[in-house]
Protein backbone atom coordinates (compact mmCIF):
# COMPACT_ATOMS: atom_id res chain seq x y z
CA MET A 1 325.97 7.79 146.50
CA SER A 2 323.75 8.36 143.50
CA LYS A 3 325.11 8.46 139.94
CA ASP A 4 324.87 12.26 139.92
CA ASP A 5 326.72 12.51 143.24
CA ILE A 6 329.53 10.30 141.91
CA ASN A 7 329.81 12.32 138.70
CA LEU A 8 329.95 15.59 140.65
CA LEU A 9 332.61 14.18 142.95
CA LEU A 10 334.74 12.93 140.04
CA THR A 11 334.34 16.27 138.25
CA ARG A 12 335.69 18.14 141.26
CA TYR A 13 338.55 15.65 141.54
CA ILE A 14 339.51 15.89 137.84
CA THR A 15 339.50 19.72 137.93
CA ASN A 16 341.55 19.82 141.17
CA GLN A 17 338.70 21.42 143.13
CA ALA A 18 338.09 18.51 145.53
CA SER A 19 338.63 18.90 149.26
CA ASP A 20 340.80 16.46 151.21
CA LYS A 21 337.66 14.66 152.34
CA GLU A 22 336.38 14.41 148.75
CA ILE A 23 339.75 13.14 147.52
CA GLN A 24 339.58 10.37 150.11
CA GLU A 25 336.01 9.56 149.02
CA VAL A 26 337.19 9.23 145.41
CA LYS A 27 340.02 6.91 146.41
CA GLU A 28 337.66 4.72 148.44
CA TRP A 29 335.15 4.58 145.57
CA LEU A 30 337.88 3.67 143.05
CA ALA A 31 339.09 0.86 145.31
CA LEU A 32 335.67 -0.78 145.46
CA HIS A 33 335.81 -2.36 141.99
CA PRO A 34 337.94 -2.24 138.80
CA GLU A 35 334.88 -1.02 136.89
CA ASN A 36 334.86 2.14 139.01
CA GLU A 37 338.45 2.89 138.03
CA LEU A 38 337.69 2.30 134.35
CA TYR A 39 334.64 4.59 134.57
CA PHE A 40 336.89 7.27 136.02
CA ILE A 41 339.48 6.70 133.28
CA GLU A 42 336.86 7.08 130.53
CA MET A 43 335.60 10.29 132.12
CA TYR A 44 339.15 11.60 132.53
CA GLU A 45 340.05 10.76 128.91
CA ALA A 46 336.95 12.58 127.64
CA TRP A 47 337.99 15.61 129.66
CA GLN A 48 341.52 15.46 128.23
CA ASN A 49 340.19 15.12 124.67
CA MET A 50 338.05 18.22 125.12
CA LEU A 51 340.92 20.08 126.74
CA TYR A 52 342.72 20.17 123.40
CA THR A 53 339.84 20.71 121.01
CA ASN A 54 339.78 23.77 118.77
CA GLU A 55 336.48 25.10 120.03
CA ASN A 56 337.04 28.58 121.41
CA ILE A 57 333.35 29.49 121.76
CA VAL A 58 331.09 27.32 123.88
CA ASP A 59 327.35 27.13 123.32
CA GLU A 60 325.89 26.08 126.68
CA ASP A 61 323.11 23.88 125.26
CA ALA A 62 325.52 22.26 122.80
CA ALA A 63 327.91 21.67 125.69
CA PHE A 64 325.22 19.72 127.54
CA ASP A 65 324.63 17.46 124.56
CA LYS A 66 328.31 17.07 123.77
CA LEU A 67 329.43 15.93 127.19
CA ASN A 68 326.32 13.83 127.65
CA ASN A 69 327.06 11.98 124.40
CA ARG A 70 330.80 11.60 124.97
CA LEU A 71 330.83 10.51 128.58
CA PHE A 72 327.61 8.65 129.07
CA ASN A 73 326.69 6.99 125.77
CA LYS A 74 323.73 9.31 125.14
CA LYS A 75 322.01 8.56 128.45
CA THR A 76 320.11 11.42 130.04
CA TYR A 77 321.37 12.95 133.26
CA SER A 78 320.05 15.75 135.43
CA LYS A 79 320.43 19.38 134.40
CA THR A 80 322.40 20.00 137.61
CA TRP A 81 325.08 17.55 136.51
CA LEU A 82 325.03 18.80 132.94
CA TYR A 83 325.61 22.39 134.03
CA ILE A 84 328.63 21.15 135.98
CA ALA A 85 329.74 19.15 132.94
CA ALA A 86 329.37 22.18 130.69
CA SER A 87 331.79 24.04 132.95
CA LEU A 88 334.42 21.42 132.09
CA ILE A 89 334.10 22.31 128.42
CA ILE A 90 334.30 26.03 129.22
CA ILE A 91 337.48 25.45 131.22
CA ALA A 92 338.88 23.35 128.38
CA SER A 93 338.21 26.10 125.87
CA ALA A 94 339.99 28.62 128.05
CA ALA A 95 342.92 26.24 128.42
CA ILE A 96 343.46 26.29 124.66
CA ILE A 97 344.55 29.90 124.95
CA LEU A 98 346.60 29.41 128.12
CA TYR A 99 348.54 26.29 127.08
CA PRO A 100 351.00 26.32 124.16
CA ARG A 101 349.87 24.21 121.22
CA GLN A 102 353.38 22.75 121.05
CA LEU A 103 352.61 20.83 124.23
CA VAL A 104 350.11 18.73 122.33
CA SER A 105 351.99 18.13 119.10
CA GLN A 106 355.52 17.47 120.35
CA ARG A 107 356.33 13.77 120.46
CA ASN A 108 359.10 11.98 122.29
CA THR A 109 360.35 8.77 120.69
CA ILE A 110 362.50 6.07 122.23
CA ALA A 111 363.68 3.35 119.86
CA ALA A 112 365.62 0.15 120.49
CA GLY A 113 367.22 -0.98 117.23
CA LYS A 114 367.82 -4.60 116.31
CA GLY A 115 370.32 -6.16 118.68
CA VAL A 116 369.64 -3.53 121.38
CA ILE A 117 367.63 -3.60 124.61
CA LYS A 118 366.97 -0.25 126.34
CA LYS A 119 365.96 0.47 129.90
CA PHE A 120 364.71 3.90 130.97
CA ILE A 121 362.59 5.56 133.64
CA LEU A 122 359.68 7.87 132.84
CA LYS A 123 358.97 10.97 134.92
CA ASP A 124 356.21 9.19 136.86
CA GLY A 125 358.73 6.62 138.08
CA THR A 126 357.67 3.89 135.63
CA GLN A 127 360.54 1.62 134.60
CA VAL A 128 360.42 0.43 130.99
CA TRP A 129 362.54 -2.21 129.26
CA LEU A 130 362.21 -1.87 125.47
CA ASN A 131 363.03 -5.00 123.49
CA ALA A 132 365.03 -5.05 120.25
CA GLY A 133 363.24 -3.66 117.20
CA SER A 134 360.72 -1.71 119.31
CA VAL A 135 359.58 1.93 119.42
CA MET A 136 357.70 3.77 122.17
CA GLU A 137 356.24 7.27 121.84
CA TYR A 138 354.69 9.73 124.30
CA ASP A 139 353.89 13.43 124.13
CA SER A 140 355.20 16.37 126.13
CA GLY A 141 352.19 16.25 128.41
CA PHE A 142 353.21 12.89 129.88
CA GLY A 143 353.11 13.15 133.64
CA ILE A 144 351.33 16.52 133.43
CA THR A 145 348.05 15.99 131.58
CA ASN A 146 348.29 12.25 130.82
CA ARG A 147 350.32 9.06 131.14
CA ASN A 148 349.65 7.70 127.65
CA VAL A 149 352.23 5.88 125.51
CA ASN A 150 352.16 4.28 122.06
CA LEU A 151 354.05 1.01 121.63
CA LYS A 152 355.21 -0.77 118.50
CA GLY A 153 357.10 -3.86 119.56
CA GLU A 154 357.69 -5.34 123.00
CA ALA A 155 358.15 -3.72 126.39
CA LEU A 156 358.13 -4.69 130.04
CA PHE A 157 356.47 -2.08 132.26
CA ASP A 158 356.97 -1.68 136.00
CA ILE A 159 354.47 1.09 136.70
CA GLY A 160 355.54 3.95 138.95
CA HIS A 161 353.16 5.61 141.38
CA ARG A 162 354.81 9.00 141.68
CA ILE A 163 351.81 10.49 139.83
CA LYS A 164 348.73 8.62 141.04
CA ASN A 165 345.89 10.77 139.71
CA LEU A 166 346.64 10.03 136.02
CA PRO A 167 345.88 6.56 134.60
CA PHE A 168 348.68 4.77 132.75
CA ILE A 169 347.45 3.81 129.26
CA ILE A 170 349.26 1.96 126.47
CA LYS A 171 348.10 1.96 122.85
CA ALA A 172 349.45 -1.00 120.89
CA LYS A 173 348.23 -2.31 117.54
CA ASN A 174 344.44 -1.76 117.66
CA TYR A 175 344.17 -2.12 121.42
CA ILE A 176 344.19 -0.03 124.57
CA ILE A 177 345.82 -1.49 127.68
CA ARG A 178 344.93 0.14 131.00
CA ASP A 179 347.10 -0.46 134.05
CA ILE A 180 345.29 -1.69 137.14
CA GLY A 181 348.45 -3.27 138.52
CA THR A 182 352.16 -2.81 138.58
CA ARG A 183 354.23 -5.06 136.30
CA PHE A 184 353.37 -6.55 132.92
CA ASN A 185 354.84 -7.34 129.50
CA ILE A 186 353.23 -6.28 126.21
CA LYS A 187 354.30 -7.80 122.88
CA ALA A 188 352.84 -6.10 119.81
CA TYR A 189 355.29 -6.06 116.92
CA PRO A 190 353.77 -4.67 113.68
CA GLY A 191 354.80 -7.80 111.75
CA ASP A 192 353.27 -10.26 114.23
CA LYS A 193 349.66 -11.42 113.98
CA ASN A 194 349.06 -11.57 117.72
CA LEU A 195 349.09 -9.18 120.61
CA GLU A 196 350.37 -10.80 123.81
CA ALA A 197 350.03 -9.45 127.33
CA VAL A 198 351.45 -11.13 130.43
CA VAL A 199 350.72 -9.80 133.92
CA LEU A 200 353.46 -10.45 136.47
CA GLN A 201 352.01 -8.31 139.26
CA GLY A 202 348.59 -6.67 139.60
CA GLU A 203 346.04 -6.55 136.77
CA ILE A 204 345.38 -4.88 133.41
CA ALA A 205 342.30 -4.25 131.26
CA VAL A 206 342.54 -4.68 127.48
CA GLU A 207 340.00 -3.38 124.97
CA ASP A 208 339.99 -2.79 121.25
CA ASN A 209 340.28 0.72 119.88
CA ALA A 210 337.08 0.62 117.82
CA GLY A 211 335.37 3.32 119.85
CA THR A 212 332.89 0.96 121.51
CA THR A 213 332.57 0.52 125.26
CA GLY A 214 331.21 -2.04 127.67
CA GLU A 215 332.15 -5.38 129.17
CA GLY A 216 331.88 -7.21 125.83
CA ASN A 217 334.71 -5.07 124.52
CA ARG A 218 337.00 -5.45 127.53
CA ILE A 219 339.08 -8.27 128.99
CA TYR A 220 340.70 -8.31 132.42
CA VAL A 221 344.06 -10.05 132.73
CA LYS A 222 345.15 -10.88 136.26
CA LYS A 223 348.44 -11.83 137.88
CA HIS A 224 350.18 -14.80 136.22
CA GLN A 225 347.85 -14.81 133.22
CA LEU A 226 348.79 -14.66 129.53
CA LEU A 227 346.46 -13.03 127.01
CA LYS A 228 346.80 -13.75 123.27
CA ILE A 229 344.61 -11.90 120.77
CA ASN A 230 344.44 -12.53 117.05
CA GLY A 231 341.71 -10.30 115.61
CA GLN A 232 339.17 -8.36 117.67
CA LEU A 233 337.74 -8.81 121.15
CA LYS A 234 334.10 -8.92 120.03
CA ASN A 235 332.41 -11.53 117.87
CA GLU A 236 329.43 -9.37 116.97
CA ASN A 237 328.13 -8.16 113.59
CA LYS A 238 329.75 -10.95 111.60
CA PRO A 239 329.57 -10.34 107.83
CA ASP A 240 327.22 -12.83 106.15
CA GLN A 241 329.82 -13.86 103.56
CA ILE A 242 332.27 -15.11 106.24
CA SER A 243 331.71 -18.54 107.77
CA ASP A 244 331.45 -18.98 111.53
CA ALA A 245 334.63 -21.09 111.60
CA THR A 246 336.64 -18.50 109.67
CA TYR A 247 335.30 -15.62 111.73
CA ASN A 248 336.05 -17.31 115.04
CA LYS A 249 339.58 -18.03 113.83
CA LEU A 250 340.05 -14.37 112.92
CA ASN A 251 338.77 -13.35 116.34
CA ASP A 252 340.77 -15.77 118.46
CA VAL A 253 341.18 -14.69 122.10
CA GLN A 254 342.93 -16.88 124.66
CA ILE A 255 343.67 -16.37 128.35
CA MET A 256 346.00 -18.90 129.92
CA GLN A 257 347.28 -19.33 133.46
CA ILE A 258 351.07 -19.44 133.77
CA ASP A 259 353.09 -20.94 136.57
CA SER A 260 354.76 -18.39 138.84
CA SER A 261 358.07 -20.20 138.37
CA GLN A 262 357.91 -19.67 134.60
CA THR A 263 357.64 -15.88 134.45
CA TYR A 264 361.20 -15.73 133.10
CA ILE A 265 359.79 -17.06 129.81
CA TYR A 266 358.05 -13.73 129.29
CA GLU A 267 360.44 -11.25 130.91
CA GLY A 268 363.76 -13.07 130.61
CA TRP A 269 364.59 -11.24 127.37
CA LYS A 270 365.51 -8.13 129.36
CA ASP A 271 368.30 -10.14 131.00
CA ASP A 272 369.49 -11.69 127.71
CA HIS A 273 367.59 -14.93 128.36
CA LEU A 274 365.61 -16.17 125.35
CA VAL A 275 363.09 -18.95 125.96
CA PHE A 276 361.14 -20.80 123.26
CA GLU A 277 358.35 -23.26 124.03
CA ASP A 278 356.96 -25.30 121.16
CA ILE A 279 356.97 -22.53 118.55
CA SER A 280 357.58 -22.79 114.83
CA PHE A 281 361.04 -22.16 113.45
CA ALA A 282 359.57 -19.23 111.46
CA GLU A 283 358.30 -17.58 114.67
CA MET A 284 361.59 -18.23 116.39
CA ALA A 285 363.50 -16.68 113.47
CA LYS A 286 361.67 -13.35 114.00
CA VAL A 287 362.91 -13.20 117.59
CA LEU A 288 366.46 -14.10 116.59
CA GLU A 289 366.46 -11.51 113.79
CA ARG A 290 365.57 -8.74 116.22
CA ARG A 291 367.88 -9.94 118.97
CA TYR A 292 370.99 -10.40 116.78
CA ASN A 293 370.31 -7.87 113.99
CA VAL A 294 370.31 -10.44 111.19
CA ASN A 295 368.08 -11.51 108.30
CA ILE A 296 367.06 -15.18 108.20
CA THR A 297 365.64 -16.98 105.16
CA PHE A 298 364.53 -20.59 104.72
CA ASN A 299 364.89 -22.87 101.73
CA SER A 300 361.62 -24.72 102.44
CA GLN A 301 358.25 -24.36 104.10
CA ASP A 302 358.82 -27.65 105.93
CA LEU A 303 361.76 -26.08 107.75
CA LYS A 304 359.65 -23.08 108.78
CA ASP A 305 357.05 -25.40 110.29
CA ILE A 306 359.45 -27.37 112.51
CA ARG A 307 358.52 -26.92 116.20
CA TYR A 308 361.26 -26.01 118.64
CA SER A 309 361.69 -25.71 122.41
CA GLY A 310 364.84 -24.47 124.09
CA SER A 311 366.49 -21.57 125.89
CA PHE A 312 369.60 -19.46 125.42
CA ARG A 313 371.18 -17.31 128.12
CA GLY A 314 373.93 -14.82 127.40
CA ILE A 315 374.78 -16.22 123.95
CA PRO A 316 376.84 -13.41 122.35
CA ASN A 317 376.23 -14.12 118.65
CA ILE A 318 373.83 -15.83 116.29
CA GLU A 319 376.36 -18.40 115.05
CA LYS A 320 376.62 -19.97 118.51
CA VAL A 321 372.82 -20.07 118.75
CA LEU A 322 372.56 -21.86 115.42
CA ALA A 323 375.26 -24.31 116.42
CA ILE A 324 373.26 -25.25 119.51
CA ILE A 325 370.05 -25.61 117.51
CA ARG A 326 371.78 -27.84 114.97
CA GLN A 327 372.66 -30.36 117.70
CA ASN A 328 369.05 -31.59 117.84
CA THR A 329 367.39 -30.07 114.77
CA PRO A 330 368.07 -31.20 111.15
CA ILE A 331 369.41 -27.90 109.76
CA ASN A 332 372.44 -26.47 108.04
CA TYR A 333 373.18 -22.76 107.85
CA GLN A 334 375.25 -20.35 105.78
CA ILE A 335 376.17 -16.91 107.13
CA GLN A 336 377.22 -14.03 104.90
CA ASN A 337 377.51 -10.69 106.70
CA ASN A 338 374.11 -10.29 108.42
CA ASN A 339 372.28 -12.67 106.09
CA ILE A 340 371.60 -16.28 107.09
CA LEU A 341 370.26 -19.08 104.89
CA LEU A 342 368.78 -22.09 106.70
CA THR A 343 368.46 -25.36 104.87
CA LYS A 344 366.87 -28.59 106.00
CA VAL A 345 369.02 -31.69 106.27
CA GLU A 346 367.39 -34.60 104.45
CA HIS A 347 367.96 -38.02 105.96
């Protein structure tokens, strides 16, 4: 099929005008390559954005330019396609009157406080485990006009397929994560420098939210891969006053293969299993603070920098955790209510 034929087919599919044969053609085209699915997602998102604009009067010529710019990065397409595209904007404008504005503005918030892990199921069948100190938001249109969620913190997603024609999209920190698979963990706490994504089944695509598109702005993470991002995905347009070494450090992106037998390291938290592999005591303290609803302070930078590896399963309170750590780490601790002071033992 030509580009125009594909665009016409996707337009009919998005507006629920496709025949059974055309629906099957769309599914077969989407299955050919992940890029096809992402192209469809971008087109669908542009349609959803226009659906809730405040433009009640549509100028046909302006509609051509608008959709051409939004969907296709200012490339020129045939007038036949643009007339079809303009109809999308007309339908969107009409929808503004037909749909209540409250549908757009109403937000649903699910929060897991410190010391709490929450499991819930969204209306599309997606199972979500929300780690301690995390918040997830979605609007009233979830499962109707979109499957978009905002995440601050950590969550394990097992994507449902009850609603297959809407892409599942997560916005976390300055990134957009698109589901191309079924089960993955996203860690994006506001206080942490990194975003981490681990794919346990299937595949995801991650891109920054800077408004740019293209392969240079997108990373694919496949089954049993761990993605760590500190900065942005692209290393373009570096300011002259920043050295190459500093800039590369700020834009650090790593993809690592993980062993299938070690997936519990990244999803074990949902079953009260905390695993630490060669991380600093300061990083570990953040996890313990969220898990046990405490505040941890250190009396020295040296103590913060100590590296630690270990695991804890079903430990009911922070004092028992600290007692275990003290067996092979030179620390003392004082606990007063929810405040903990860690001090280094000098030999």
